[in-house]
């Protein structure tokens, strides 16, 4: 992705019911900047420099995050707040795979 442009799956939820197949639910997304393949959808709202929108509902078992030393890293959010993903997963590989699972 060119400098100054980024995309974010802001909120991803996983079900917590035992017996269900773990899947990820992307419920909010945002795009900053635009280029080929980065055009915000028509219903996107510009807030603080980001086009925010609700993506088409879909269930995925895995989210593939392309990471590069040439672009800003993804932010990871949990109850403790936001932090760069590189704080706990090295960005040396081209793709980081996030999968839904059930915690203990």
Protein backbone atom coordinates (compact mmCIF):
# COMPACT_ATOMS: atom_id res chain seq x y z
CA UNK A 1 0.00 0.00 0.00
CA UNK A 2 1.45 3.40 -0.90
CA UNK A 3 2.64 5.72 1.91
CA UNK A 4 -0.10 7.80 3.48
CA UNK A 5 -2.79 5.21 2.75
CA UNK A 6 -4.05 2.54 5.07
CA UNK A 7 -7.01 0.33 5.77
CA UNK A 8 -8.30 -1.10 9.00
CA UNK A 9 -10.77 -3.77 10.04
CA UNK A 10 -11.61 -1.80 13.15
CA UNK A 11 -13.78 -4.30 14.92
CA UNK A 12 -13.64 -8.06 14.52
CA UNK A 13 -15.70 -10.22 16.85
CA UNK A 14 -15.56 -13.97 17.45
CA UNK A 15 -18.50 -15.98 18.87
CA UNK A 16 -18.07 -17.42 22.33
CA UNK A 17 -20.56 -20.29 22.31
CA UNK A 18 -19.04 -23.74 22.64
CA UNK A 19 -20.12 -26.02 19.82
CA UNK A 20 -20.12 -23.21 17.24
CA UNK A 21 -17.43 -23.13 14.60
CA UNK A 22 -15.19 -20.18 15.47
CA UNK A 23 -15.56 -17.45 12.83
CA UNK A 24 -14.61 -13.81 12.64
CA UNK A 25 -17.28 -11.15 12.14
CA UNK A 26 -15.98 -7.89 10.68
CA UNK A 27 -18.41 -5.25 11.91
CA UNK A 28 -16.63 -1.96 11.16
CA UNK A 29 -13.90 -0.88 8.75
CA UNK A 30 -12.10 2.30 7.74
CA UNK A 31 -9.87 3.58 4.92
CA UNK A 32 -7.48 6.55 4.91
CA UNK A 33 -6.43 7.86 1.52
CA UNK A 34 -7.43 6.29 -1.76
CA UNK A 35 -5.79 4.48 -4.65
CA UNK A 36 -6.52 1.52 -6.89
CA UNK A 37 -8.46 -0.98 -4.81
CA UNK A 38 -8.84 1.45 -1.90
CA UNK A 39 -11.94 3.38 -2.96
CA UNK A 40 -14.32 3.82 -0.01
CA UNK A 41 -17.86 2.52 -0.50
CA UNK A 42 -20.67 4.99 -1.24
CA UNK A 43 -22.04 4.81 2.34
CA UNK A 44 -18.66 5.63 3.96
CA UNK A 45 -18.53 8.67 6.27
CA UNK A 46 -15.38 10.82 6.54
CA UNK A 47 -14.34 11.22 10.22
CA UNK A 48 -10.97 12.55 11.36
CA UNK A 49 -9.34 11.76 7.99
CA UNK A 50 -10.72 8.19 7.78
CA UNK A 51 -13.62 6.91 5.66
CA UNK A 52 -15.59 4.73 8.10
CA UNK A 53 -18.20 2.20 7.01
CA UNK A 54 -19.96 -1.03 7.87
CA UNK A 55 -18.80 -3.79 5.52
CA UNK A 56 -21.16 -6.34 4.01
CA UNK A 57 -21.80 -8.96 6.70
CA UNK A 58 -19.68 -12.04 6.24
CA UNK A 59 -18.19 -14.78 8.36
CA UNK A 60 -14.57 -15.76 7.86
CA UNK A 61 -12.47 -18.36 9.62
CA UNK A 62 -9.22 -16.49 8.99
CA UNK A 63 -8.15 -12.89 8.40
CA UNK A 64 -4.94 -12.45 6.38
CA UNK A 65 -3.09 -9.24 7.21
CA UNK A 66 -0.40 -8.17 4.76
CA UNK A 67 2.40 -6.45 6.65
CA UNK A 68 5.45 -4.57 5.45
CA UNK A 69 8.33 -2.61 6.91
CA UNK A 70 7.41 0.14 4.44
CA UNK A 71 3.93 0.86 5.86
CA UNK A 72 2.48 1.46 9.30
CA UNK A 73 1.66 -1.71 11.20
CA UNK A 74 -1.84 -2.80 12.17
CA UNK A 75 -3.17 -1.74 15.56
CA UNK A 76 -4.39 -4.50 17.85
CA UNK A 77 -7.20 -3.61 20.21
CA UNK A 78 -8.23 -5.36 23.41
CA UNK A 79 -9.55 -4.35 26.82
CA UNK A 80 -6.16 -2.76 27.58
CA UNK A 81 -6.33 -0.40 24.59
CA UNK A 82 -4.57 -0.15 21.22
CA UNK A 83 -1.00 -1.16 20.48
CA UNK A 84 1.00 -1.92 17.32
CA UNK A 85 0.73 -5.58 16.35
CA UNK A 86 4.53 -5.68 16.11
CA UNK A 87 4.65 -5.38 19.93
CA UNK A 88 3.76 -9.07 20.15
CA UNK A 89 3.98 -10.58 16.62
CA UNK A 90 7.02 -9.93 14.42
CA UNK A 91 6.23 -8.31 11.08
CA UNK A 92 9.06 -10.11 9.27
CA UNK A 93 6.69 -12.43 7.41
CA UNK A 94 4.65 -11.05 4.52
CA UNK A 95 1.31 -12.18 5.94
CA UNK A 96 0.02 -12.59 9.47
CA UNK A 97 -2.98 -14.90 9.81
CA UNK A 98 -5.56 -14.18 12.54
CA UNK A 99 -7.99 -16.99 13.35
CA UNK A 100 -10.98 -17.14 15.63
CA UNK A 101 -10.71 -19.48 18.60
CA UNK A 102 -12.39 -20.07 21.91
CA UNK A 103 -10.49 -18.81 24.97
CA UNK A 104 -10.42 -20.53 28.32
